[in-house]
PDB file of N, CA and C in Angstrom:
ATOM      1  N   UNK A   1      99.143 121.560 107.108  1.00  0.00           N
ATOM      2  CA  UNK A   1      98.640 122.161 105.887  1.00  0.00           C
ATOM      3  C   UNK A   1      97.123 122.011 105.838  1.00  0.00           C
ATOM      4  N   UNK A   2      96.485 123.035 105.381  1.00  0.00           N
ATOM      5  CA  UNK A   2      95.029 123.058 105.418  1.00  0.00           C
ATOM      6  C   UNK A   2      94.418 122.160 104.356  1.00  0.00           C
ATOM      7  N   UNK A   3      93.168 121.729 104.591  1.00  0.00           N
ATOM      8  CA  UNK A   3      92.470 120.894 103.614  1.00  0.00           C
ATOM      9  C   UNK A   3      91.730 121.737 102.577  1.00  0.00           C
ATOM     10  N   UNK A   4      91.469 123.002 102.873  1.00  0.00           N
ATOM     11  CA  UNK A   4      90.795 123.894 101.926  1.00  0.00           C
ATOM     12  C   UNK A   4      91.662 125.143 101.738  1.00  0.00           C
ATOM     13  N   UNK A   5      92.703 125.032 100.920  1.00  0.00           N
ATOM     14  CA  UNK A   5      93.644 126.143 100.803  1.00  0.00           C
ATOM     15  C   UNK A   5      93.061 127.338 100.066  1.00  0.00           C
ATOM     16  N   UNK A   6      93.409 128.541 100.530  1.00  0.00           N
ATOM     17  CA  UNK A   6      93.007 129.746  99.812  1.00  0.00           C
ATOM     18  C   UNK A   6      93.954 130.009  98.640  1.00  0.00           C
ATOM     19  N   UNK A   7      95.127 129.402  98.672  1.00  0.00           N
ATOM     20  CA  UNK A   7      96.099 129.475  97.579  1.00  0.00           C
ATOM     21  C   UNK A   7      96.406 128.037  97.169  1.00  0.00           C
ATOM     22  N   UNK A   8      95.873 127.575  96.035  1.00  0.00           N
ATOM     23  CA  UNK A   8      96.046 126.172  95.647  1.00  0.00           C
ATOM     24  C   UNK A   8      97.494 125.741  95.401  1.00  0.00           C
ATOM     25  N   UNK A   9      98.336 126.663  94.924  1.00  0.00           N
ATOM     26  CA  UNK A   9      99.745 126.327  94.687  1.00  0.00           C
ATOM     27  C   UNK A   9     100.606 127.406  95.333  1.00  0.00           C
ATOM     28  N   UNK A  10     101.522 126.965  96.202  1.00  0.00           N
ATOM     29  CA  UNK A  10     102.393 127.911  96.907  1.00  0.00           C
ATOM     30  C   UNK A  10     103.796 127.316  97.002  1.00  0.00           C
ATOM     31  N   UNK A  11     104.776 128.073  96.547  1.00  0.00           N
ATOM     32  CA  UNK A  11     106.185 127.708  96.678  1.00  0.00           C
ATOM     33  C   UNK A  11     106.883 128.829  97.431  1.00  0.00           C
ATOM     34  N   UNK A  12     107.690 128.479  98.416  1.00  0.00           N
ATOM     35  CA  UNK A  12     108.401 129.461  99.232  1.00  0.00           C
ATOM     36  C   UNK A  12     109.871 129.071  99.324  1.00  0.00           C
ATOM     37  N   UNK A  13     110.738 129.909  98.779  1.00  0.00           N
ATOM     38  CA  UNK A  13     112.175 129.695  98.893  1.00  0.00           C
ATOM     39  C   UNK A  13     112.651 128.378  98.309  1.00  0.00           C
ATOM     40  N   UNK A  14     112.009 127.916  97.252  1.00  0.00           N
ATOM     41  CA  UNK A  14     112.316 126.598  96.684  1.00  0.00           C
ATOM     42  C   UNK A  14     113.612 126.663  95.874  1.00  0.00           C
ATOM     43  N   UNK A  15     114.454 125.643  96.110  1.00  0.00           N
ATOM     44  CA  UNK A  15     115.729 125.539  95.406  1.00  0.00           C
ATOM     45  C   UNK A  15     115.966 124.090  95.024  1.00  0.00           C
ATOM     46  N   UNK A  16     116.536 123.883  93.841  1.00  0.00           N
ATOM     47  CA  UNK A  16     116.921 122.544  93.391  1.00  0.00           C
ATOM     48  C   UNK A  16     118.218 122.642  92.608  1.00  0.00           C
ATOM     49  N   UNK A  17     119.184 121.812  93.002  1.00  0.00           N
ATOM     50  CA  UNK A  17     120.472 121.754  92.320  1.00  0.00           C
ATOM     51  C   UNK A  17     120.730 120.347  91.833  1.00  0.00           C
ATOM     52  N   UNK A  18     121.419 120.255  90.712  1.00  0.00           N
ATOM     53  CA  UNK A  18     121.918 118.990  90.182  1.00  0.00           C
ATOM     54  C   UNK A  18     123.430 119.146  90.106  1.00  0.00           C
ATOM     55  N   UNK A  19     124.130 118.622  91.093  1.00  0.00           N
ATOM     56  CA  UNK A  19     125.573 118.834  91.167  1.00  0.00           C
ATOM     57  C   UNK A  19     125.852 120.310  91.377  1.00  0.00           C
ATOM     58  N   UNK A  20     126.682 120.886  90.525  1.00  0.00           N
ATOM     59  CA  UNK A  20     127.006 122.310  90.651  1.00  0.00           C
ATOM     60  C   UNK A  20     126.047 123.204  89.861  1.00  0.00           C
ATOM     61  N   UNK A  21     125.070 122.593  89.182  1.00  0.00           N
ATOM     62  CA  UNK A  21     124.109 123.354  88.376  1.00  0.00           C
ATOM     63  C   UNK A  21     122.853 123.643  89.186  1.00  0.00           C
ATOM     64  N   UNK A  22     122.511 124.907  89.317  1.00  0.00           N
ATOM     65  CA  UNK A  22     121.285 125.305  90.002  1.00  0.00           C
ATOM     66  C   UNK A  22     120.160 125.359  88.978  1.00  0.00           C
ATOM     67  N   UNK A  23     119.173 124.489  89.144  1.00  0.00           N
ATOM     68  CA  UNK A  23     118.027 124.456  88.228  1.00  0.00           C
ATOM     69  C   UNK A  23     116.961 125.460  88.649  1.00  0.00           C
ATOM     70  N   UNK A  24     116.728 125.573  89.951  1.00  0.00           N
ATOM     71  CA  UNK A  24     115.743 126.509  90.507  1.00  0.00           C
ATOM     72  C   UNK A  24     116.388 127.168  91.720  1.00  0.00           C
ATOM     73  N   UNK A  25     116.365 128.492  91.769  1.00  0.00           N
ATOM     74  CA  UNK A  25     117.014 129.218  92.860  1.00  0.00           C
ATOM     75  C   UNK A  25     116.026 130.149  93.551  1.00  0.00           C
ATOM     76  N   UNK A  26     115.732 129.883  94.810  1.00  0.00           N
ATOM     77  CA  UNK A  26     114.927 130.784  95.649  1.00  0.00           C
ATOM     78  C   UNK A  26     113.605 131.182  94.994  1.00  0.00           C
ATOM     79  N   UNK A  27     112.840 130.202  94.545  1.00  0.00           N
ATOM     80  CA  UNK A  27     111.574 130.466  93.862  1.00  0.00           C
ATOM     81  C   UNK A  27     110.453 130.679  94.870  1.00  0.00           C
ATOM     82  N   UNK A  28     109.797 131.820  94.780  1.00  0.00           N
ATOM     83  CA  UNK A  28     108.587 132.133  95.537  1.00  0.00           C
ATOM     84  C   UNK A  28     107.480 132.332  94.510  1.00  0.00           C
ATOM     85  N   UNK A  29     106.385 131.589  94.676  1.00  0.00           N
ATOM     86  CA  UNK A  29     105.308 131.646  93.688  1.00  0.00           C
ATOM     87  C   UNK A  29     103.997 131.268  94.351  1.00  0.00           C
ATOM     88  N   UNK A  30     102.939 131.995  94.024  1.00  0.00           N
ATOM     89  CA  UNK A  30     101.581 131.638  94.437  1.00  0.00           C
ATOM     90  C   UNK A  30     100.686 131.670  93.207  1.00  0.00           C
ATOM     91  N   UNK A  31      99.861 130.647  93.074  1.00  0.00           N
ATOM     92  CA  UNK A  31      98.846 130.616  92.026  1.00  0.00           C
ATOM     93  C   UNK A  31      97.500 130.596  92.740  1.00  0.00           C
ATOM     94  N   UNK A  32      96.717 131.632  92.525  1.00  0.00           N
ATOM     95  CA  UNK A  32      95.434 131.790  93.208  1.00  0.00           C
ATOM     96  C   UNK A  32      94.304 131.155  92.395  1.00  0.00           C
ATOM     97  N   UNK A  33      93.155 130.888  93.044  1.00  0.00           N
ATOM     98  CA  UNK A  33      92.014 130.317  92.317  1.00  0.00           C
ATOM     99  C   UNK A  33      91.655 131.168  91.094  1.00  0.00           C
ATOM    100  N   UNK A  34      91.320 130.507  90.005  1.00  0.00           N
ATOM    101  CA  UNK A  34      90.901 131.112  88.735  1.00  0.00           C
ATOM    102  C   UNK A  34      92.037 131.792  87.980  1.00  0.00           C
ATOM    103  N   UNK A  35      93.262 131.726  88.485  1.00  0.00           N
ATOM    104  CA  UNK A  35      94.405 132.263  87.746  1.00  0.00           C
ATOM    105  C   UNK A  35      94.918 131.223  86.757  1.00  0.00           C
ATOM    106  N   UNK A  36      95.444 131.705  85.661  1.00  0.00           N
ATOM    107  CA  UNK A  36      96.120 130.853  84.685  1.00  0.00           C
ATOM    108  C   UNK A  36      97.585 131.265  84.704  1.00  0.00           C
ATOM    109  N   UNK A  37      98.465 130.288  84.826  1.00  0.00           N
ATOM    110  CA  UNK A  37      99.892 130.561  84.914  1.00  0.00           C
ATOM    111  C   UNK A  37     100.610 129.924  83.734  1.00  0.00           C
ATOM    112  N   UNK A  38     101.490 130.665  83.110  1.00  0.00           N
ATOM    113  CA  UNK A  38     102.369 130.124  82.071  1.00  0.00           C
ATOM    114  C   UNK A  38     103.801 130.309  82.542  1.00  0.00           C
ATOM    115  N   UNK A  39     104.561 129.227  82.580  1.00  0.00           N
ATOM    116  CA  UNK A  39     105.982 129.304  82.901  1.00  0.00           C
ATOM    117  C   UNK A  39     106.740 129.391  81.583  1.00  0.00           C
ATOM    118  N   UNK A  40     107.342 130.531  81.335  1.00  0.00           N
ATOM    119  CA  UNK A  40     108.036 130.775  80.076  1.00  0.00           C
ATOM    120  C   UNK A  40     109.517 130.992  80.340  1.00  0.00           C
ATOM    121  N   UNK A  41     110.340 130.485  79.458  1.00  0.00           N
ATOM    122  CA  UNK A  41     111.777 130.694  79.580  1.00  0.00           C
ATOM    123  C   UNK A  41     112.521 129.759  78.664  1.00  0.00           C
ATOM    124  N   UNK A  42     113.810 130.006  78.509  1.00  0.00           N
ATOM    125  CA  UNK A  42     114.612 129.162  77.624  1.00  0.00           C
ATOM    126  C   UNK A  42     114.829 127.774  78.220  1.00  0.00           C
ATOM    127  N   UNK A  43     115.306 126.862  77.389  1.00  0.00           N
ATOM    128  CA  UNK A  43     115.669 125.530  77.878  1.00  0.00           C
ATOM    129  C   UNK A  43     116.667 125.682  79.023  1.00  0.00           C
ATOM    130  N   UNK A  44     116.461 124.891  80.069  1.00  0.00           N
ATOM    131  CA  UNK A  44     117.367 124.931  81.212  1.00  0.00           C
ATOM    132  C   UNK A  44     117.037 125.988  82.244  1.00  0.00           C
ATOM    133  N   UNK A  45     115.924 126.695  82.070  1.00  0.00           N
ATOM    134  CA  UNK A  45     115.564 127.758  83.005  1.00  0.00           C
ATOM    135  C   UNK A  45     114.957 127.233  84.303  1.00  0.00           C
ATOM    136  N   UNK A  46     114.562 125.955  84.347  1.00  0.00           N
ATOM    137  CA  UNK A  46     113.999 125.380  85.564  1.00  0.00           C
ATOM    138  C   UNK A  46     112.496 125.191  85.548  1.00  0.00           C
ATOM    139  N   UNK A  47     111.861 125.411  84.410  1.00  0.00           N
ATOM    140  CA  UNK A  47     110.398 125.289  84.324  1.00  0.00           C
ATOM    141  C   UNK A  47     109.937 123.873  84.640  1.00  0.00           C
ATOM    142  N   UNK A  48     110.511 122.893  83.965  1.00  0.00           N
ATOM    143  CA  UNK A  48     110.116 121.498  84.178  1.00  0.00           C
ATOM    144  C   UNK A  48     110.453 121.059  85.592  1.00  0.00           C
ATOM    145  N   UNK A  49     111.606 121.461  86.094  1.00  0.00           N
ATOM    146  CA  UNK A  49     111.999 121.110  87.459  1.00  0.00           C
ATOM    147  C   UNK A  49     110.995 121.657  88.461  1.00  0.00           C
ATOM    148  N   UNK A  50     110.566 122.898  88.292  1.00  0.00           N
ATOM    149  CA  UNK A  50     109.594 123.493  89.212  1.00  0.00           C
ATOM    150  C   UNK A  50     108.275 122.727  89.187  1.00  0.00           C
ATOM    151  N   UNK A  51     107.806 122.392  87.988  1.00  0.00           N
ATOM    152  CA  UNK A  51     106.543 121.658  87.872  1.00  0.00           C
ATOM    153  C   UNK A  51     106.685 120.260  88.471  1.00  0.00           C
ATOM    154  N   UNK A  52     107.794 119.580  88.200  1.00  0.00           N
ATOM    155  CA  UNK A  52     107.993 118.231  88.742  1.00  0.00           C
ATOM    156  C   UNK A  52     108.083 118.240  90.266  1.00  0.00           C
ATOM    157  N   UNK A  53     108.602 119.309  90.853  1.00  0.00           N
ATOM    158  CA  UNK A  53     108.598 119.415  92.315  1.00  0.00           C
ATOM    159  C   UNK A  53     107.169 119.598  92.825  1.00  0.00           C
ATOM    160  N   UNK A  54     106.358 120.380  92.119  1.00  0.00           N
ATOM    161  CA  UNK A  54     104.959 120.568  92.521  1.00  0.00           C
ATOM    162  C   UNK A  54     104.168 119.269  92.408  1.00  0.00           C
ATOM    163  N   UNK A  55     104.528 118.423  91.463  1.00  0.00           N
ATOM    164  CA  UNK A  55     103.855 117.138  91.274  1.00  0.00           C
ATOM    165  C   UNK A  55     104.341 116.078  92.254  1.00  0.00           C
ATOM    166  N   UNK A  56     105.472 116.338  92.914  1.00  0.00           N
ATOM    167  CA  UNK A  56     106.028 115.366  93.849  1.00  0.00           C
ATOM    168  C   UNK A  56     106.938 114.342  93.203  1.00  0.00           C
ATOM    169  N   UNK A  57     107.341 114.573  91.953  1.00  0.00           N
ATOM    170  CA  UNK A  57     108.239 113.637  91.272  1.00  0.00           C
ATOM    171  C   UNK A  57     109.677 113.800  91.736  1.00  0.00           C
ATOM    172  N   UNK A  58     110.059 115.022  92.091  1.00  0.00           N
ATOM    173  CA  UNK A  58     111.392 115.263  92.631  1.00  0.00           C
ATOM    174  C   UNK A  58     111.280 116.133  93.870  1.00  0.00           C
ATOM    175  N   UNK A  59     112.236 115.966  94.774  1.00  0.00           N
ATOM    176  CA  UNK A  59     112.232 116.664  96.059  1.00  0.00           C
ATOM    177  C   UNK A  59     113.076 117.942  95.952  1.00  0.00           C
ATOM    178  N   UNK A  60     112.553 119.066  96.428  1.00  0.00           N
ATOM    179  CA  UNK A  60     113.376 120.281  96.434  1.00  0.00           C
ATOM    180  C   UNK A  60     114.514 120.140  97.445  1.00  0.00           C
ATOM    181  N   UNK A  61     115.617 120.826  97.185  1.00  0.00           N
ATOM    182  CA  UNK A  61     116.734 120.829  98.127  1.00  0.00           C
ATOM    183  C   UNK A  61     116.469 121.770  99.290  1.00  0.00           C
ATOM    184  N   UNK A  62     115.651 122.786  99.064  1.00  0.00           N
ATOM    185  CA  UNK A  62     115.312 123.752 100.112  1.00  0.00           C
ATOM    186  C   UNK A  62     113.951 124.344  99.800  1.00  0.00           C
ATOM    187  N   UNK A  63     113.323 124.913 100.826  1.00  0.00           N
ATOM    188  CA  UNK A  63     112.043 125.577 100.659  1.00  0.00           C
ATOM    189  C   UNK A  63     110.862 124.657 100.897  1.00  0.00           C
ATOM    190  N   UNK A  64     109.668 125.227 100.749  1.00  0.00           N
ATOM    191  CA  UNK A  64     108.437 124.469 100.962  1.00  0.00           C
ATOM    192  C   UNK A  64     107.516 124.621  99.758  1.00  0.00           C
ATOM    193  N   UNK A  65     106.749 123.551  99.523  1.00  0.00           N
ATOM    194  CA  UNK A  65     105.774 123.539  98.434  1.00  0.00           C
ATOM    195  C   UNK A  65     104.467 122.993  98.983  1.00  0.00           C
ATOM    196  N   UNK A  66     103.366 123.657  98.658  1.00  0.00           N
ATOM    197  CA  UNK A  66     102.018 123.173  98.958  1.00  0.00           C
ATOM    198  C   UNK A  66     101.212 123.195  97.666  1.00  0.00           C
ATOM    199  N   UNK A  67     100.551 122.092  97.382  1.00  0.00           N
ATOM    200  CA  UNK A  67      99.627 122.015  96.252  1.00  0.00           C
ATOM    201  C   UNK A  67      98.315 121.471  96.799  1.00  0.00           C
ATOM    202  N   UNK A  68      97.258 122.246  96.682  1.00  0.00           N
ATOM    203  CA  UNK A  68      95.942 121.894  97.235  1.00  0.00           C
ATOM    204  C   UNK A  68      96.041 121.609  98.729  1.00  0.00           C
ATOM    205  N   UNK A  69      96.905 122.354  99.412  1.00  0.00           N
ATOM    206  CA  UNK A  69      97.072 122.202 100.852  1.00  0.00           C
ATOM    207  C   UNK A  69      97.905 121.008 101.262  1.00  0.00           C
ATOM    208  N   UNK A  70      98.518 120.319 100.297  1.00  0.00           N
ATOM    209  CA  UNK A  70      99.283 119.106 100.578  1.00  0.00           C
ATOM    210  C   UNK A  70     100.750 119.289 100.222  1.00  0.00           C
ATOM    211  N   UNK A  71     101.607 118.578 100.932  1.00  0.00           N
ATOM    212  CA  UNK A  71     103.028 118.516 100.607  1.00  0.00           C
ATOM    213  C   UNK A  71     103.196 117.468  99.513  1.00  0.00           C
ATOM    214  N   UNK A  72     103.690 117.834  98.333  1.00  0.00           N
ATOM    215  CA  UNK A  72     103.773 116.878  97.224  1.00  0.00           C
ATOM    216  C   UNK A  72     104.619 115.636  97.503  1.00  0.00           C
ATOM    217  N   UNK A  73     105.573 115.714  98.413  1.00  0.00           N
ATOM    218  CA  UNK A  73     106.395 114.550  98.745  1.00  0.00           C
ATOM    219  C   UNK A  73     105.729 113.732  99.846  1.00  0.00           C
ATOM    220  N   UNK A  74     105.413 114.366 100.964  1.00  0.00           N
ATOM    221  CA  UNK A  74     104.843 113.645 102.112  1.00  0.00           C
ATOM    222  C   UNK A  74     103.449 113.105 101.824  1.00  0.00           C
ATOM    223  N   UNK A  75     102.668 113.835 101.040  1.00  0.00           N
ATOM    224  CA  UNK A  75     101.280 113.451 100.758  1.00  0.00           C
ATOM    225  C   UNK A  75     101.097 113.053  99.293  1.00  0.00           C
ATOM    226  N   UNK A  76     102.120 112.410  98.706  1.00  0.00           N
ATOM    227  CA  UNK A  76     102.096 112.155  97.264  1.00  0.00           C
ATOM    228  C   UNK A  76     100.886 111.346  96.800  1.00  0.00           C
ATOM    229  N   UNK A  77     100.485 110.337  97.540  1.00  0.00           N
ATOM    230  CA  UNK A  77      99.347 109.510  97.101  1.00  0.00           C
ATOM    231  C   UNK A  77      98.051 110.322  97.098  1.00  0.00           C
ATOM    232  N   UNK A  78      97.823 111.102  98.140  1.00  0.00           N
ATOM    233  CA  UNK A  78      96.608 111.925  98.204  1.00  0.00           C
ATOM    234  C   UNK A  78      96.607 113.004  97.126  1.00  0.00           C
ATOM    235  N   UNK A  79      97.767 113.606  96.879  1.00  0.00           N
ATOM    236  CA  UNK A  79      97.842 114.661  95.872  1.00  0.00           C
ATOM    237  C   UNK A  79      97.646 114.103  94.470  1.00  0.00           C
ATOM    238  N   UNK A  80      98.300 113.020  94.145  1.00  0.00           N
ATOM    239  CA  UNK A  80      98.213 112.458  92.792  1.00  0.00           C
ATOM    240  C   UNK A  80      96.804 112.007  92.448  1.00  0.00           C
ATOM    241  N   UNK A  81      96.021 111.681  93.455  1.00  0.00           N
ATOM    242  CA  UNK A  81      94.622 111.313  93.214  1.00  0.00           C
ATOM    243  C   UNK A  81      93.779 112.535  92.836  1.00  0.00           C
ATOM    244  N   UNK A  82      94.320 113.747  93.075  1.00  0.00           N
ATOM    245  CA  UNK A  82      93.549 114.971  92.853  1.00  0.00           C
ATOM    246  C   UNK A  82      94.038 115.835  91.695  1.00  0.00           C
ATOM    247  N   UNK A  83      95.171 115.477  91.091  1.00  0.00           N
ATOM    248  CA  UNK A  83      95.698 116.301  90.006  1.00  0.00           C
ATOM    249  C   UNK A  83      95.832 115.485  88.728  1.00  0.00           C
ATOM    250  N   UNK A  84      95.856 116.163  87.611  1.00  0.00           N
ATOM    251  CA  UNK A  84      96.116 115.532  86.326  1.00  0.00           C
ATOM    252  C   UNK A  84      97.387 116.116  85.744  1.00  0.00           C
ATOM    253  N   UNK A  85      98.168 115.269  85.120  1.00  0.00           N
ATOM    254  CA  UNK A  85      99.455 115.701  84.587  1.00  0.00           C
ATOM    255  C   UNK A  85      99.610 115.194  83.166  1.00  0.00           C
ATOM    256  N   UNK A  86     100.026 116.069  82.259  1.00  0.00           N
ATOM    257  CA  UNK A  86     100.403 115.658  80.906  1.00  0.00           C
ATOM    258  C   UNK A  86     101.895 115.897  80.781  1.00  0.00           C
ATOM    259  N   UNK A  87     102.648 114.822  80.715  1.00  0.00           N
ATOM    260  CA  UNK A  87     104.095 114.925  80.646  1.00  0.00           C
ATOM    261  C   UNK A  87     104.529 115.445  79.287  1.00  0.00           C
ATOM    262  N   UNK A  88     105.667 116.141  79.235  1.00  0.00           N
ATOM    263  CA  UNK A  88     106.078 116.740  77.967  1.00  0.00           C
ATOM    264  C   UNK A  88     106.367 115.704  76.896  1.00  0.00           C
ATOM    265  N   UNK A  89     106.781 114.494  77.273  1.00  0.00           N
ATOM    266  CA  UNK A  89     107.056 113.468  76.284  1.00  0.00           C
ATOM    267  C   UNK A  89     105.892 112.526  76.058  1.00  0.00           C
ATOM    268  N   UNK A  90     104.759 112.776  76.697  1.00  0.00           N
ATOM    269  CA  UNK A  90     103.636 111.843  76.619  1.00  0.00           C
ATOM    270  C   UNK A  90     103.968 110.582  77.390  1.00  0.00           C
ATOM    271  N   UNK A  91     103.319 109.493  77.077  1.00  0.00           N
ATOM    272  CA  UNK A  91     103.611 108.234  77.748  1.00  0.00           C
ATOM    273  C   UNK A  91     102.887 108.101  79.066  1.00  0.00           C
ATOM    274  N   UNK A  92     103.281 107.110  79.837  1.00  0.00           N
ATOM    275  CA  UNK A  92     102.620 106.794  81.103  1.00  0.00           C
ATOM    276  C   UNK A  92     103.009 107.727  82.226  1.00  0.00           C
ATOM    277  N   UNK A  93     102.148 107.787  83.194  1.00  0.00           N
ATOM    278  CA  UNK A  93     102.351 108.583  84.392  1.00  0.00           C
ATOM    279  C   UNK A  93     103.303 107.818  85.303  1.00  0.00           C
ATOM    280  N   UNK A  94     104.419 108.418  85.742  1.00  0.00           N
ATOM    281  CA  UNK A  94     105.346 107.687  86.606  1.00  0.00           C
ATOM    282  C   UNK A  94     104.643 107.121  87.839  1.00  0.00           C
ATOM    283  N   UNK A  95     104.971 105.935  88.191  1.00  0.00           N
ATOM    284  CA  UNK A  95     104.444 105.228  89.358  1.00  0.00           C
ATOM    285  C   UNK A  95     102.976 104.847  89.223  1.00  0.00           C
ATOM    286  N   UNK A  96     102.389 104.958  88.032  1.00  0.00           N
ATOM    287  CA  UNK A  96     100.987 104.571  87.846  1.00  0.00           C
ATOM    288  C   UNK A  96     100.866 103.052  87.917  1.00  0.00           C
ATOM    289  N   UNK A  97      99.876 102.592  88.642  1.00  0.00           N
ATOM    290  CA  UNK A  97      99.611 101.157  88.730  1.00  0.00           C
ATOM    291  C   UNK A  97      98.907 100.718  87.447  1.00  0.00           C
ATOM    292  N   UNK A  98      99.431  99.711  86.748  1.00  0.00           N
ATOM    293  CA  UNK A  98      98.794  99.273  85.494  1.00  0.00           C
ATOM    294  C   UNK A  98      97.313  98.940  85.655  1.00  0.00           C
ATOM    295  N   UNK A  99      96.920  98.427  86.810  1.00  0.00           N
ATOM    296  CA  UNK A  99      95.517  98.070  87.026  1.00  0.00           C
ATOM    297  C   UNK A  99      94.615  99.301  87.034  1.00  0.00           C
ATOM    298  N   UNK A 100      95.178 100.486  87.305  1.00  0.00           N
ATOM    299  CA  UNK A 100      94.377 101.707  87.365  1.00  0.00           C
ATOM    300  C   UNK A 100      94.341 102.442  86.034  1.00  0.00           C
ATOM    301  N   UNK A 101      95.084 101.961  85.046  1.00  0.00           N
ATOM    302  CA  UNK A 101      95.119 102.602  83.730  1.00  0.00           C
ATOM    303  C   UNK A 101      94.120 101.924  82.807  1.00  0.00           C
ATOM    304  N   UNK A 102      93.440 102.704  81.999  1.00  0.00           N
ATOM    305  CA  UNK A 102      92.446 102.169  81.068  1.00  0.00           C
ATOM    306  C   UNK A 102      92.781 102.607  79.656  1.00  0.00           C
ATOM    307  N   UNK A 103      92.331 101.832  78.694  1.00  0.00           N
ATOM    308  CA  UNK A 103      92.447 102.207  77.292  1.00  0.00           C
ATOM    309  C   UNK A 103      91.070 102.637  76.822  1.00  0.00           C
ATOM    310  N   UNK A 104      90.993 103.791  76.181  1.00  0.00           N
ATOM    311  CA  UNK A 104      89.705 104.326  75.735  1.00  0.00           C
ATOM    312  C   UNK A 104      89.608 104.230  74.248  1.00  0.00           C
TER     313      UNK A 104
END
């Protein structure tokens, strides 16, 4: 994967299942520089699952994901140092080291 991607976010054939429930099926998506993306849909449509796969919090069952030229699972430490995430419930960032968190 390249260090200077021309497409910062790329998903190809991504699928995620929880038991017999398919959360994300065959998702192909590219987000280009300066684009703004809104994932819209009803509860259970797979929006959160897709974002969590891009963040490296969960592993897709199939397909490939690149964020900033990195694999969110294999390169999780390098990727997390470069992205910011606001979780839907607020609270702490999963796997955050307490020593790296500050109170402002």
